[in-house]
Amino acid sequence: MSEQQAPNQLNIEISEEMAEGQYANLAIITHSHAEFVVDFVNVMPGTPKSRVKSRIILTPQHAKRLFHALQENVDKFELAHGTIKDFEEVQIPFQYGGPAAQA
């Protein structure tokens, strides 16, 4: 028996390697008039240098959709599991070589 796909349904595939994901504990966000750039970094304590693990480039419209989707999911998580506490203020690394933010 074959599955039939609805006409407006998007079929998304993910490789095994991509499905493993990348751990990141810092996101650096910059923007220009045309795009938002989100760099995901894994910063290890006591290590003087860290690398960007993944860079996502979004249009301003997609960045706003992502913002709302994250807010909705954080709200759902907190309803199920309680308030997420932010214990520390994260400082952006001083020697970051990413794109300069522009308004």
PDB file of N, CA and C in Angstrom:
ATOM      1  N   MET A   1       0.854  -1.177   0.000  1.00  0.00           N
ATOM      2  CA  MET A   1       0.000   0.000   0.000  1.00  0.00           C
ATOM      3  C   MET A   1       0.898   1.238   0.000  1.00  0.00           C
ATOM      4  N   SER A   2       0.689   2.146  -0.930  1.00  0.00           N
ATOM      5  CA  SER A   2       1.517   3.353  -1.005  1.00  0.00           C
ATOM      6  C   SER A   2       0.820   4.521  -0.328  1.00  0.00           C
ATOM      7  N   GLU A   3       1.660   5.377   0.285  1.00  0.00           N
ATOM      8  CA  GLU A   3       1.112   6.570   0.933  1.00  0.00           C
ATOM      9  C   GLU A   3       0.859   7.639  -0.108  1.00  0.00           C
ATOM     10  N   GLN A   4      -0.270   8.297  -0.002  1.00  0.00           N
ATOM     11  CA  GLN A   4      -0.548   9.417  -0.887  1.00  0.00           C
ATOM     12  C   GLN A   4      -0.330  10.699  -0.111  1.00  0.00           C
ATOM     13  N   GLN A   5       0.358  11.631  -0.754  1.00  0.00           N
ATOM     14  CA  GLN A   5       0.683  12.901  -0.119  1.00  0.00           C
ATOM     15  C   GLN A   5      -0.365  13.937  -0.509  1.00  0.00           C
ATOM     16  N   ALA A   6      -0.851  14.681   0.474  1.00  0.00           N
ATOM     17  CA  ALA A   6      -1.797  15.759   0.198  1.00  0.00           C
ATOM     18  C   ALA A   6      -1.128  16.777  -0.723  1.00  0.00           C
ATOM     19  N   PRO A   7      -1.895  17.433  -1.609  1.00  0.00           N
ATOM     20  CA  PRO A   7      -1.297  18.345  -2.589  1.00  0.00           C
ATOM     21  C   PRO A   7      -0.460  19.473  -1.984  1.00  0.00           C
ATOM     22  N   ASN A   8      -0.812  19.981  -0.832  1.00  0.00           N
ATOM     23  CA  ASN A   8      -0.078  21.103  -0.222  1.00  0.00           C
ATOM     24  C   ASN A   8       0.835  20.658   0.921  1.00  0.00           C
ATOM     25  N   GLN A   9       1.059  19.362   1.063  1.00  0.00           N
ATOM     26  CA  GLN A   9       1.894  18.848   2.139  1.00  0.00           C
ATOM     27  C   GLN A   9       3.349  18.826   1.698  1.00  0.00           C
ATOM     28  N   LEU A  10       4.240  19.307   2.546  1.00  0.00           N
ATOM     29  CA  LEU A  10       5.668  19.353   2.254  1.00  0.00           C
ATOM     30  C   LEU A  10       6.332  18.104   2.817  1.00  0.00           C
ATOM     31  N   ASN A  11       7.090  17.423   2.002  1.00  0.00           N
ATOM     32  CA  ASN A  11       7.815  16.232   2.425  1.00  0.00           C
ATOM     33  C   ASN A  11       9.249  16.634   2.745  1.00  0.00           C
ATOM     34  N   ILE A  12       9.628  16.558   4.010  1.00  0.00           N
ATOM     35  CA  ILE A  12      10.962  16.981   4.444  1.00  0.00           C
ATOM     36  C   ILE A  12      11.748  15.759   4.890  1.00  0.00           C
ATOM     37  N   GLU A  13      12.966  15.609   4.379  1.00  0.00           N
ATOM     38  CA  GLU A  13      13.847  14.518   4.765  1.00  0.00           C
ATOM     39  C   GLU A  13      15.028  15.076   5.544  1.00  0.00           C
ATOM     40  N   ILE A  14      15.615  14.237   6.404  1.00  0.00           N
ATOM     41  CA  ILE A  14      16.794  14.638   7.168  1.00  0.00           C
ATOM     42  C   ILE A  14      17.782  13.484   7.168  1.00  0.00           C
ATOM     43  N   SER A  15      19.051  13.798   6.910  1.00  0.00           N
ATOM     44  CA  SER A  15      20.088  12.764   6.905  1.00  0.00           C
ATOM     45  C   SER A  15      20.383  12.344   8.347  1.00  0.00           C
ATOM     46  N   GLU A  16      21.001  11.169   8.500  1.00  0.00           N
ATOM     47  CA  GLU A  16      21.369  10.698   9.843  1.00  0.00           C
ATOM     48  C   GLU A  16      22.321  11.675  10.520  1.00  0.00           C
ATOM     49  N   GLU A  17      23.300  12.164   9.751  1.00  0.00           N
ATOM     50  CA  GLU A  17      24.280  13.095  10.305  1.00  0.00           C
ATOM     51  C   GLU A  17      23.599  14.373  10.806  1.00  0.00           C
ATOM     52  N   MET A  18      22.686  14.923  10.007  1.00  0.00           N
ATOM     53  CA  MET A  18      21.982  16.148  10.392  1.00  0.00           C
ATOM     54  C   MET A  18      21.058  15.884  11.585  1.00  0.00           C
ATOM     55  N   ALA A  19      20.462  14.705  11.635  1.00  0.00           N
ATOM     56  CA  ALA A  19      19.535  14.364  12.726  1.00  0.00           C
ATOM     57  C   ALA A  19      20.239  14.316  14.077  1.00  0.00           C
ATOM     58  N   GLU A  20      21.551  14.053  14.074  1.00  0.00           N
ATOM     59  CA  GLU A  20      22.306  14.043  15.328  1.00  0.00           C
ATOM     60  C   GLU A  20      22.385  15.436  15.934  1.00  0.00           C
ATOM     61  N   GLY A  21      22.345  16.465  15.090  1.00  0.00           N
ATOM     62  CA  GLY A  21      22.348  17.838  15.565  1.00  0.00           C
ATOM     63  C   GLY A  21      23.720  18.305  16.025  1.00  0.00           C
ATOM     64  N   GLN A  22      23.774  19.563  16.395  1.00  0.00           N
ATOM     65  CA  GLN A  22      24.974  20.189  16.939  1.00  0.00           C
ATOM     66  C   GLN A  22      24.585  20.876  18.242  1.00  0.00           C
ATOM     67  N   TYR A  23      25.353  20.659  19.296  1.00  0.00           N
ATOM     68  CA  TYR A  23      25.092  21.339  20.555  1.00  0.00           C
ATOM     69  C   TYR A  23      25.628  22.762  20.483  1.00  0.00           C
ATOM     70  N   ALA A  24      24.836  23.713  20.945  1.00  0.00           N
ATOM     71  CA  ALA A  24      25.275  25.104  21.022  1.00  0.00           C
ATOM     72  C   ALA A  24      24.759  25.701  22.321  1.00  0.00           C
ATOM     73  N   ASN A  25      25.605  26.483  22.984  1.00  0.00           N
ATOM     74  CA  ASN A  25      25.167  27.166  24.200  1.00  0.00           C
ATOM     75  C   ASN A  25      25.313  28.685  24.073  1.00  0.00           C
ATOM     76  N   LEU A  26      25.510  29.134  22.838  1.00  0.00           N
ATOM     77  CA  LEU A  26      25.571  30.564  22.565  1.00  0.00           C
ATOM     78  C   LEU A  26      25.086  30.801  21.146  1.00  0.00           C
ATOM     79  N   ALA A  27      24.239  31.795  20.976  1.00  0.00           N
ATOM     80  CA  ALA A  27      23.810  32.217  19.640  1.00  0.00           C
ATOM     81  C   ALA A  27      24.166  33.686  19.498  1.00  0.00           C
ATOM     82  N   ILE A  28      24.838  34.020  18.416  1.00  0.00           N
ATOM     83  CA  ILE A  28      25.206  35.404  18.126  1.00  0.00           C
ATOM     84  C   ILE A  28      24.381  35.823  16.918  1.00  0.00           C
ATOM     85  N   ILE A  29      23.629  36.891  17.065  1.00  0.00           N
ATOM     86  CA  ILE A  29      22.716  37.319  16.016  1.00  0.00           C
ATOM     87  C   ILE A  29      23.137  38.688  15.504  1.00  0.00           C
ATOM     88  N   THR A  30      23.303  38.782  14.185  1.00  0.00           N
ATOM     89  CA  THR A  30      23.592  40.048  13.538  1.00  0.00           C
ATOM     90  C   THR A  30      22.587  40.217  12.408  1.00  0.00           C
ATOM     91  N   HIS A  31      22.472  41.446  11.910  1.00  0.00           N
ATOM     92  CA  HIS A  31      21.510  41.669  10.830  1.00  0.00           C
ATOM     93  C   HIS A  31      21.926  42.838   9.950  1.00  0.00           C
ATOM     94  N   SER A  32      21.405  42.811   8.749  1.00  0.00           N
ATOM     95  CA  SER A  32      21.518  43.927   7.821  1.00  0.00           C
ATOM     96  C   SER A  32      20.093  44.291   7.428  1.00  0.00           C
ATOM     97  N   HIS A  33      19.943  45.153   6.458  1.00  0.00           N
ATOM     98  CA  HIS A  33      18.589  45.514   6.027  1.00  0.00           C
ATOM     99  C   HIS A  33      17.905  44.336   5.330  1.00  0.00           C
ATOM    100  N   ALA A  34      18.658  43.357   4.850  1.00  0.00           N
ATOM    101  CA  ALA A  34      18.096  42.281   4.038  1.00  0.00           C
ATOM    102  C   ALA A  34      18.073  40.910   4.700  1.00  0.00           C
ATOM    103  N   GLU A  35      18.865  40.722   5.766  1.00  0.00           N
ATOM    104  CA  GLU A  35      18.937  39.382   6.348  1.00  0.00           C
ATOM    105  C   GLU A  35      19.356  39.401   7.808  1.00  0.00           C
ATOM    106  N   PHE A  36      19.010  38.323   8.489  1.00  0.00           N
ATOM    107  CA  PHE A  36      19.465  38.046   9.846  1.00  0.00           C
ATOM    108  C   PHE A  36      20.424  36.870   9.754  1.00  0.00           C
ATOM    109  N   VAL A  37      21.538  36.960  10.466  1.00  0.00           N
ATOM    110  CA  VAL A  37      22.510  35.869  10.507  1.00  0.00           C
ATOM    111  C   VAL A  37      22.586  35.397  11.957  1.00  0.00           C
ATOM    112  N   VAL A  38      22.327  34.106  12.161  1.00  0.00           N
ATOM    113  CA  VAL A  38      22.385  33.514  13.494  1.00  0.00           C
ATOM    114  C   VAL A  38      23.520  32.493  13.494  1.00  0.00           C
ATOM    115  N   ASP A  39      24.544  32.761  14.294  1.00  0.00           N
ATOM    116  CA  ASP A  39      25.661  31.839  14.455  1.00  0.00           C
ATOM    117  C   ASP A  39      25.494  31.098  15.769  1.00  0.00           C
ATOM    118  N   PHE A  40      25.515  29.769  15.706  1.00  0.00           N
ATOM    119  CA  PHE A  40      25.397  28.931  16.891  1.00  0.00           C
ATOM    120  C   PHE A  40      26.786  28.433  17.257  1.00  0.00           C
ATOM    121  N   VAL A  41      27.160  28.643  18.534  1.00  0.00           N
ATOM    122  CA  VAL A  41      28.519  28.365  19.007  1.00  0.00           C
ATOM    123  C   VAL A  41      28.440  27.454  20.231  1.00  0.00           C
ATOM    124  N   ASN A  42      29.429  26.563  20.367  1.00  0.00           N
ATOM    125  CA  ASN A  42      29.571  25.754  21.570  1.00  0.00           C
ATOM    126  C   ASN A  42      30.785  26.288  22.310  1.00  0.00           C
ATOM    127  N   VAL A  43      30.539  27.036  23.387  1.00  0.00           N
ATOM    128  CA  VAL A  43      31.605  27.638  24.185  1.00  0.00           C
ATOM    129  C   VAL A  43      31.897  26.717  25.366  1.00  0.00           C
ATOM    130  N   MET A  44      33.147  26.268  25.470  1.00  0.00           N
ATOM    131  CA  MET A  44      33.545  25.397  26.572  1.00  0.00           C
ATOM    132  C   MET A  44      34.276  26.217  27.626  1.00  0.00           C
ATOM    133  N   PRO A  45      33.927  26.040  28.902  1.00  0.00           N
ATOM    134  CA  PRO A  45      34.607  26.786  29.971  1.00  0.00           C
ATOM    135  C   PRO A  45      36.110  26.527  29.952  1.00  0.00           C
ATOM    136  N   GLY A  46      36.879  27.584  30.132  1.00  0.00           N
ATOM    137  CA  GLY A  46      38.323  27.470  30.194  1.00  0.00           C
ATOM    138  C   GLY A  46      39.001  27.357  28.832  1.00  0.00           C
ATOM    139  N   THR A  47      38.212  27.372  27.774  1.00  0.00           N
ATOM    140  CA  THR A  47      38.780  27.292  26.432  1.00  0.00           C
ATOM    141  C   THR A  47      38.788  28.688  25.838  1.00  0.00           C
ATOM    142  N   PRO A  48      39.968  29.179  25.405  1.00  0.00           N
ATOM    143  CA  PRO A  48      40.048  30.553  24.923  1.00  0.00           C
ATOM    144  C   PRO A  48      39.436  30.773  23.537  1.00  0.00           C
ATOM    145  N   LYS A  49      39.196  29.683  22.793  1.00  0.00           N
ATOM    146  CA  LYS A  49      38.709  29.832  21.433  1.00  0.00           C
ATOM    147  C   LYS A  49      37.550  28.872  21.188  1.00  0.00           C
ATOM    148  N   SER A  50      36.527  29.350  20.493  1.00  0.00           N
ATOM    149  CA  SER A  50      35.377  28.521  20.145  1.00  0.00           C
ATOM    150  C   SER A  50      35.067  28.710  18.670  1.00  0.00           C
ATOM    151  N   ARG A  51      34.401  27.736  18.086  1.00  0.00           N
ATOM    152  CA  ARG A  51      34.036  27.802  16.670  1.00  0.00           C
ATOM    153  C   ARG A  51      32.543  27.856  16.482  1.00  0.00           C
ATOM    154  N   VAL A  52      32.137  28.526  15.427  1.00  0.00           N
ATOM    155  CA  VAL A  52      30.735  28.513  15.026  1.00  0.00           C
ATOM    156  C   VAL A  52      30.430  27.105  14.538  1.00  0.00           C
ATOM    157  N   LYS A  53      29.396  26.486  15.098  1.00  0.00           N
ATOM    158  CA  LYS A  53      28.997  25.128  14.715  1.00  0.00           C
ATOM    159  C   LYS A  53      28.012  25.145  13.565  1.00  0.00           C
ATOM    160  N   SER A  54      27.205  26.210  13.500  1.00  0.00           N
ATOM    161  CA  SER A  54      26.203  26.308  12.445  1.00  0.00           C
ATOM    162  C   SER A  54      25.843  27.770  12.243  1.00  0.00           C
ATOM    163  N   ARG A  55      25.621  28.147  10.993  1.00  0.00           N
ATOM    164  CA  ARG A  55      25.194  29.511  10.663  1.00  0.00           C
ATOM    165  C   ARG A  55      23.897  29.401   9.868  1.00  0.00           C
ATOM    166  N   ILE A  56      22.892  30.118  10.331  1.00  0.00           N
ATOM    167  CA  ILE A  56      21.603  30.152   9.646  1.00  0.00           C
ATOM    168  C   ILE A  56      21.371  31.593   9.187  1.00  0.00           C
ATOM    169  N   ILE A  57      21.024  31.756   7.909  1.00  0.00           N
ATOM    170  CA  ILE A  57      20.755  33.073   7.341  1.00  0.00           C
ATOM    171  C   ILE A  57      19.278  33.127   6.978  1.00  0.00           C
ATOM    172  N   LEU A  58      18.596  34.139   7.500  1.00  0.00           N
ATOM    173  CA  LEU A  58      17.147  34.263   7.340  1.00  0.00           C
ATOM    174  C   LEU A  58      16.770  35.627   6.781  1.00  0.00           C
ATOM    175  N   THR A  59      15.665  35.665   6.054  1.00  0.00           N
ATOM    176  CA  THR A  59      15.096  36.960   5.689  1.00  0.00           C
ATOM    177  C   THR A  59      14.489  37.562   6.956  1.00  0.00           C
ATOM    178  N   PRO A  60      14.277  38.879   7.005  1.00  0.00           N
ATOM    179  CA  PRO A  60      13.629  39.473   8.176  1.00  0.00           C
ATOM    180  C   PRO A  60      12.257  38.848   8.461  1.00  0.00           C
ATOM    181  N   GLN A  61      11.503  38.523   7.416  1.00  0.00           N
ATOM    182  CA  GLN A  61      10.183  37.911   7.607  1.00  0.00           C
ATOM    183  C   GLN A  61      10.306  36.527   8.254  1.00  0.00           C
ATOM    184  N   HIS A  62      11.268  35.729   7.804  1.00  0.00           N
ATOM    185  CA  HIS A  62      11.454  34.406   8.397  1.00  0.00           C
ATOM    186  C   HIS A  62      12.014  34.512   9.810  1.00  0.00           C
ATOM    187  N   ALA A  63      12.852  35.503  10.071  1.00  0.00           N
ATOM    188  CA  ALA A  63      13.373  35.710  11.422  1.00  0.00           C
ATOM    189  C   ALA A  63      12.224  36.003  12.383  1.00  0.00           C
ATOM    190  N   LYS A  64      11.275  36.818  11.938  1.00  0.00           N
ATOM    191  CA  LYS A  64      10.136  37.146  12.797  1.00  0.00           C
ATOM    192  C   LYS A  64       9.252  35.926  13.024  1.00  0.00           C
ATOM    193  N   ARG A  65       9.067  35.107  11.981  1.00  0.00           N
ATOM    194  CA  ARG A  65       8.288  33.871  12.136  1.00  0.00           C
ATOM    195  C   ARG A  65       8.978  32.927  13.114  1.00  0.00           C
ATOM    196  N   LEU A  66      10.318  32.831  13.013  1.00  0.00           N
ATOM    197  CA  LEU A  66      11.072  31.986  13.931  1.00  0.00           C
ATOM    198  C   LEU A  66      10.929  32.498  15.362  1.00  0.00           C
ATOM    199  N   PHE A  67      11.029  33.810  15.544  1.00  0.00           N
ATOM    200  CA  PHE A  67      10.858  34.423  16.858  1.00  0.00           C
ATOM    201  C   PHE A  67       9.507  34.035  17.469  1.00  0.00           C
ATOM    202  N   HIS A  68       8.438  34.153  16.692  1.00  0.00           N
ATOM    203  CA  HIS A  68       7.100  33.813  17.205  1.00  0.00           C
ATOM    204  C   HIS A  68       6.969  32.312  17.478  1.00  0.00           C
ATOM    205  N   ALA A  69       7.550  31.488  16.612  1.00  0.00           N
ATOM    206  CA  ALA A  69       7.486  30.037  16.820  1.00  0.00           C
ATOM    207  C   ALA A  69       8.248  29.637  18.083  1.00  0.00           C
ATOM    208  N   LEU A  70       9.423  30.239  18.305  1.00  0.00           N
ATOM    209  CA  LEU A  70      10.177  29.957  19.533  1.00  0.00           C
ATOM    210  C   LEU A  70       9.404  30.409  20.765  1.00  0.00           C
ATOM    211  N   GLN A  71       8.798  31.608  20.705  1.00  0.00           N
ATOM    212  CA  GLN A  71       8.028  32.111  21.845  1.00  0.00           C
ATOM    213  C   GLN A  71       6.865  31.177  22.164  1.00  0.00           C
ATOM    214  N   GLU A  72       6.166  30.734  21.129  1.00  0.00           N
ATOM    215  CA  GLU A  72       5.034  29.822  21.324  1.00  0.00           C
ATOM    216  C   GLU A  72       5.494  28.510  21.959  1.00  0.00           C
ATOM    217  N   ASN A  73       6.630  27.987  21.500  1.00  0.00           N
ATOM    218  CA  ASN A  73       7.124  26.730  22.045  1.00  0.00           C
ATOM    219  C   ASN A  73       7.682  26.880  23.450  1.00  0.00           C
ATOM    220  N   VAL A  74       8.322  27.997  23.759  1.00  0.00           N
ATOM    221  CA  VAL A  74       8.785  28.243  25.137  1.00  0.00           C
ATOM    222  C   VAL A  74       7.573  28.336  26.062  1.00  0.00           C
ATOM    223  N   ASP A  75       6.523  29.031  25.626  1.00  0.00           N
ATOM    224  CA  ASP A  75       5.299  29.137  26.437  1.00  0.00           C
ATOM    225  C   ASP A  75       4.704  27.756  26.713  1.00  0.00           C
ATOM    226  N   LYS A  76       4.630  26.908  25.690  1.00  0.00           N
ATOM    227  CA  LYS A  76       4.093  25.548  25.862  1.00  0.00           C
ATOM    228  C   LYS A  76       4.973  24.734  26.808  1.00  0.00           C
ATOM    229  N   PHE A  77       6.307  24.855  26.660  1.00  0.00           N
ATOM    230  CA  PHE A  77       7.234  24.140  27.530  1.00  0.00           C
ATOM    231  C   PHE A  77       7.019  24.552  28.984  1.00  0.00           C
ATOM    232  N   GLU A  78       6.922  25.880  29.215  1.00  0.00           N
ATOM    233  CA  GLU A  78       6.767  26.374  30.584  1.00  0.00           C
ATOM    234  C   GLU A  78       5.426  25.968  31.183  1.00  0.00           C
ATOM    235  N   LEU A  79       4.385  25.878  30.373  1.00  0.00           N
ATOM    236  CA  LEU A  79       3.096  25.388  30.880  1.00  0.00           C
ATOM    237  C   LEU A  79       3.217  23.946  31.353  1.00  0.00           C
ATOM    238  N   ALA A  80       3.974  23.144  30.628  1.00  0.00           N
ATOM    239  CA  ALA A  80       4.121  21.733  30.965  1.00  0.00           C
ATOM    240  C   ALA A  80       5.158  21.484  32.060  1.00  0.00           C
ATOM    241  N   HIS A  81       6.223  22.308  32.103  1.00  0.00           N
ATOM    242  CA  HIS A  81       7.362  21.997  32.972  1.00  0.00           C
ATOM    243  C   HIS A  81       7.734  23.092  33.966  1.00  0.00           C
ATOM    244  N   GLY A  82       7.061  24.207  33.944  1.00  0.00           N
ATOM    245  CA  GLY A  82       7.394  25.300  34.847  1.00  0.00           C
ATOM    246  C   GLY A  82       8.303  26.319  34.181  1.00  0.00           C
ATOM    247  N   THR A  83       8.447  27.446  34.853  1.00  0.00           N
ATOM    248  CA  THR A  83       9.228  28.561  34.318  1.00  0.00           C
ATOM    249  C   THR A  83      10.690  28.190  34.109  1.00  0.00           C
ATOM    250  N   ILE A  84      11.216  28.571  32.976  1.00  0.00           N
ATOM    251  CA  ILE A  84      12.640  28.385  32.688  1.00  0.00           C
ATOM    252  C   ILE A  84      13.384  29.523  33.372  1.00  0.00           C
ATOM    253  N   LYS A  85      14.343  29.171  34.222  1.00  0.00           N
ATOM    254  CA  LYS A  85      15.110  30.190  34.938  1.00  0.00           C
ATOM    255  C   LYS A  85      16.402  30.464  34.183  1.00  0.00           C
ATOM    256  N   ASP A  86      16.719  31.713  33.975  1.00  0.00           N
ATOM    257  CA  ASP A  86      17.966  32.114  33.329  1.00  0.00           C
ATOM    258  C   ASP A  86      18.925  32.514  34.442  1.00  0.00           C
ATOM    259  N   PHE A  87      19.913  31.668  34.717  1.00  0.00           N
ATOM    260  CA  PHE A  87      20.779  31.847  35.868  1.00  0.00           C
ATOM    261  C   PHE A  87      21.928  32.816  35.662  1.00  0.00           C
ATOM    262  N   GLU A  88      22.315  33.031  34.420  1.00  0.00           N
ATOM    263  CA  GLU A  88      23.475  33.878  34.211  1.00  0.00           C
ATOM    264  C   GLU A  88      23.307  34.736  32.972  1.00  0.00           C
ATOM    265  N   GLU A  89      23.974  35.854  32.992  1.00  0.00           N
ATOM    266  CA  GLU A  89      24.013  36.717  31.823  1.00  0.00           C
ATOM    267  C   GLU A  89      25.219  36.299  30.987  1.00  0.00           C
ATOM    268  N   VAL A  90      24.977  36.004  29.722  1.00  0.00           N
ATOM    269  CA  VAL A  90      26.054  35.560  28.844  1.00  0.00           C
ATOM    270  C   VAL A  90      26.644  36.759  28.126  1.00  0.00           C
ATOM    271  N   GLN A  91      27.956  36.874  28.177  1.00  0.00           N
ATOM    272  CA  GLN A  91      28.657  37.954  27.491  1.00  0.00           C
ATOM    273  C   GLN A  91      29.066  37.471  26.104  1.00  0.00           C
ATOM    274  N   ILE A  92      28.865  38.297  25.098  1.00  0.00           N
ATOM    275  CA  ILE A  92      29.308  37.955  23.748  1.00  0.00           C
ATOM    276  C   ILE A  92      30.825  37.996  23.726  1.00  0.00           C
ATOM    277  N   PRO A  93      31.442  36.990  23.113  1.00  0.00           N
ATOM    278  CA  PRO A  93      32.905  36.981  23.065  1.00  0.00           C
ATOM    279  C   PRO A  93      33.462  38.248  22.454  1.00  0.00           C
ATOM    280  N   PHE A  94      34.523  38.764  23.030  1.00  0.00           N
ATOM    281  CA  PHE A  94      35.102  40.023  22.588  1.00  0.00           C
ATOM    282  C   PHE A  94      35.735  39.900  21.204  1.00  0.00           C
ATOM    283  N   GLN A  95      36.358  38.785  20.905  1.00  0.00           N
ATOM    284  CA  GLN A  95      37.071  38.599  19.637  1.00  0.00           C
ATOM    285  C   GLN A  95      36.226  37.816  18.640  1.00  0.00           C
ATOM    286  N   TYR A  96      34.987  38.230  18.402  1.00  0.00           N
ATOM    287  CA  TYR A  96      34.129  37.529  17.468  1.00  0.00           C
ATOM    288  C   TYR A  96      34.363  38.055  16.060  1.00  0.00           C
ATOM    289  N   GLY A  97      34.611  37.157  15.117  1.00  0.00           N
ATOM    290  CA  GLY A  97      34.942  37.563  13.752  1.00  0.00           C
ATOM    291  C   GLY A  97      33.783  37.455  12.786  1.00  0.00           C
ATOM    292  N   GLY A  98      32.556  37.552  13.259  1.00  0.00           N
ATOM    293  CA  GLY A  98      31.394  37.450  12.382  1.00  0.00           C
ATOM    294  C   GLY A  98      31.081  38.761  11.707  1.00  0.00           C
ATOM    295  N   PRO A  99      29.987  38.802  10.948  1.00  0.00           N
ATOM    296  CA  PRO A  99      29.611  40.035  10.253  1.00  0.00           C
ATOM    297  C   PRO A  99      29.204  41.117  11.232  1.00  0.00           C
ATOM    298  N   ALA A 100      29.471  42.354  10.890  1.00  0.00           N
ATOM    299  CA  ALA A 100      29.099  43.478  11.739  1.00  0.00           C
ATOM    300  C   ALA A 100      27.607  43.745  11.616  1.00  0.00           C
ATOM    301  N   ALA A 101      26.952  44.032  12.714  1.00  0.00           N
ATOM    302  CA  ALA A 101      25.526  44.323  12.687  1.00  0.00           C
ATOM    303  C   ALA A 101      25.275  45.667  12.029  1.00  0.00           C
ATOM    304  N   GLN A 102      24.223  45.721  11.241  1.00  0.00           N
ATOM    305  CA  GLN A 102      23.821  46.953  10.581  1.00  0.00           C
ATOM    306  C   GLN A 102      22.333  47.109  10.716  1.00  0.00           C
ATOM    307  N   ALA A 103      21.869  48.327  10.850  1.00  0.00           N
ATOM    308  CA  ALA A 103      20.438  48.558  10.943  1.00  0.00           C
ATOM    309  C   ALA A 103      19.887  48.996   9.591  1.00  0.00           C
TER     310      ALA A 103
END
